[in-house]
Amino acid sequence: MKKIILSLVAGIMLMPMSVKADEGMWFLMFIERLNHRDMQKMGLQLTPQEIYSINNHSLKDAIVQFNGGCTAELISKDGLVLTNHHCGYDAIAELSSAEKNYLKDGYWAANRKEELKPSSLFVRFFVRMDDCSKRILSVVT
């Protein structure tokens, strides 16, 4: 009996499986041509211009690069951003001390005057994305 069960489990594990990775970085200036139709099938209700527009406000204006490596989302007109804990870890550690361990205990600013700003923290705003392939390839030998 054990051999039969083991054979079935092994057979299932060796069966070919279809896996599709459909995530990652997309070229936003090609969103309509490459991704938009599939995204609509999955329930997206935004137009390509609402996602990415060089000259008008679009979703691209709400996404920032946080501290040089992570992404964050701008969620207020005053500049409040959200990101993952590991992205802000170094900035939180910079503000912490033996007496005030913000990594362990957290921190809540009751008003703007109580907000803490680490000196190393910065965000960059996405302005535009261009296909520079022709320009780069023209100077490559």
Protein backbone atom coordinates (compact mmCIF):
# COMPACT_ATOMS: atom_id res chain seq x y z
CA MET A 1 0.00 0.00 0.00
CA LYS A 2 2.84 2.42 0.87
CA LYS A 3 4.42 1.75 -2.55
CA ILE A 4 1.17 2.60 -4.34
CA ILE A 5 0.73 5.88 -2.44
CA LEU A 6 4.39 6.77 -2.92
CA SER A 7 4.09 6.01 -6.67
CA LEU A 8 1.00 8.24 -6.96
CA VAL A 9 2.66 11.12 -5.12
CA ALA A 10 5.81 10.79 -7.23
CA GLY A 11 3.72 10.67 -10.41
CA ILE A 12 1.84 13.82 -9.47
CA MET A 13 5.07 15.63 -8.65
CA LEU A 14 6.58 14.71 -12.01
CA MET A 15 3.57 15.84 -14.04
CA PRO A 16 4.31 18.84 -16.24
CA MET A 17 2.84 21.98 -14.77
CA SER A 18 2.01 25.16 -16.61
CA VAL A 19 3.43 28.20 -14.87
CA LYS A 20 3.18 31.74 -16.19
CA ALA A 21 5.00 34.68 -14.68
CA ASP A 22 3.05 37.81 -15.58
CA GLU A 23 4.44 40.43 -13.29
CA GLY A 24 7.43 42.68 -12.93
CA MET A 25 8.50 45.86 -14.64
CA TRP A 26 6.44 46.96 -17.61
CA PHE A 27 7.31 49.61 -20.16
CA LEU A 28 4.64 52.14 -19.32
CA MET A 29 4.83 54.02 -22.59
CA PHE A 30 3.77 50.76 -24.29
CA ILE A 31 1.03 49.86 -21.77
CA GLU A 32 -1.78 50.13 -24.33
CA ARG A 33 -0.01 48.01 -26.92
CA LEU A 34 1.45 45.34 -24.61
CA ASN A 35 -0.61 44.93 -21.45
CA HIS A 36 -3.84 46.89 -21.31
CA ARG A 37 -6.19 44.40 -23.00
CA ASP A 38 -5.07 41.56 -20.70
CA MET A 39 -5.35 43.83 -17.67
CA GLN A 40 -8.92 44.76 -18.66
CA LYS A 41 -9.80 41.04 -18.87
CA MET A 42 -8.61 40.74 -15.26
CA GLY A 43 -10.85 43.63 -14.16
CA LEU A 44 -8.81 46.80 -14.69
CA GLN A 45 -11.05 49.83 -15.18
CA LEU A 46 -8.37 52.48 -15.81
CA THR A 47 -7.56 53.67 -19.30
CA PRO A 48 -3.96 53.51 -20.56
CA GLN A 49 -3.83 57.33 -20.26
CA GLU A 50 -4.92 57.15 -16.62
CA ILE A 51 -2.03 54.75 -15.96
CA TYR A 52 0.68 56.60 -17.89
CA SER A 53 0.58 60.01 -19.50
CA ILE A 54 3.65 62.16 -20.02
CA ASN A 55 1.74 65.45 -20.16
CA ASN A 56 -1.17 64.83 -17.80
CA HIS A 57 -1.67 63.55 -14.30
CA SER A 58 -1.73 59.76 -14.19
CA LEU A 59 -1.02 56.86 -11.88
CA LYS A 60 2.70 57.30 -12.57
CA ASP A 61 2.59 60.48 -10.47
CA ALA A 62 1.62 58.52 -7.35
CA ILE A 63 4.54 56.08 -7.46
CA VAL A 64 7.90 57.15 -6.03
CA GLN A 65 11.28 55.53 -5.61
CA PHE A 66 11.91 55.26 -1.88
CA ASN A 67 15.49 55.64 -0.62
CA GLY A 68 17.00 54.61 -3.94
CA GLY A 69 15.77 51.03 -4.17
CA CYS A 70 12.16 50.45 -3.18
CA THR A 71 8.89 51.77 -4.48
CA ALA A 72 6.40 53.68 -2.40
CA GLU A 73 2.96 55.13 -3.00
CA LEU A 74 2.09 58.77 -2.52
CA ILE A 75 -1.24 58.78 -0.66
CA SER A 76 -1.79 62.42 0.26
CA LYS A 77 -1.38 65.85 -1.26
CA ASP A 78 1.02 66.59 1.61
CA GLY A 79 3.54 63.94 0.63
CA LEU A 80 2.62 61.02 2.89
CA VAL A 81 4.03 57.80 1.40
CA LEU A 82 3.56 54.13 2.17
CA THR A 83 6.22 51.48 1.60
CA ASN A 84 7.22 48.09 2.94
CA HIS A 85 8.80 47.80 6.38
CA HIS A 86 12.10 46.48 5.05
CA CYS A 87 12.41 49.51 2.76
CA GLY A 88 12.24 51.95 5.67
CA TYR A 89 14.20 49.82 8.14
CA ASP A 90 17.49 51.77 7.84
CA ALA A 91 15.70 55.12 8.14
CA ILE A 92 13.84 53.95 11.26
CA ALA A 93 17.09 52.59 12.73
CA GLU A 94 18.76 55.96 12.11
CA LEU A 95 16.12 57.66 14.28
CA SER A 96 16.28 55.03 17.03
CA SER A 97 18.44 55.07 20.12
CA ALA A 98 18.91 52.84 23.16
CA GLU A 99 16.23 54.88 24.94
CA LYS A 100 13.84 55.13 21.98
CA ASN A 101 13.84 51.92 19.95
CA TYR A 102 11.41 52.76 17.14
CA LEU A 103 12.18 49.49 15.36
CA LYS A 104 10.83 47.58 18.35
CA ASP A 105 8.26 49.98 19.81
CA GLY A 106 7.13 52.03 16.80
CA TYR A 107 6.37 55.75 16.83
CA TRP A 108 3.26 57.87 16.37
CA ALA A 109 3.45 61.59 15.66
CA ALA A 110 0.37 63.31 17.04
CA ASN A 111 0.95 66.32 14.76
CA ARG A 112 3.34 67.60 12.10
CA LYS A 113 5.72 69.17 14.60
CA GLU A 114 6.30 65.73 16.15
CA GLU A 115 7.11 64.05 12.84
CA LEU A 116 10.64 62.65 12.63
CA LYS A 117 12.74 62.90 9.48
CA PRO A 118 15.88 60.80 9.04
CA SER A 119 18.62 62.73 7.25
CA SER A 120 19.33 59.84 4.88
CA LEU A 121 15.75 59.44 3.61
CA PHE A 122 14.77 60.63 0.13
CA VAL A 123 12.20 59.88 -2.54
CA ARG A 124 12.38 60.37 -6.30
CA PHE A 125 9.40 61.06 -8.49
CA PHE A 126 8.93 59.27 -11.79
CA VAL A 127 8.70 61.85 -14.55
CA ARG A 128 8.77 59.92 -17.80
CA MET A 129 9.92 56.71 -19.41
CA ASP A 130 11.51 56.71 -22.84
CA ASP A 131 12.72 53.99 -25.18
CA CYS A 132 16.38 54.96 -25.64
CA SER A 133 17.39 51.73 -27.44
CA LYS A 134 18.10 53.38 -30.82
CA ARG A 135 20.15 56.14 -29.24
CA ILE A 136 22.25 53.69 -27.19
CA LEU A 137 22.68 51.13 -29.97
CA SER A 138 23.82 53.85 -32.40
CA VAL A 139 27.01 54.38 -30.38
CA VAL A 140 27.75 50.71 -29.60
CA THR A 141 30.35 49.04 -31.80
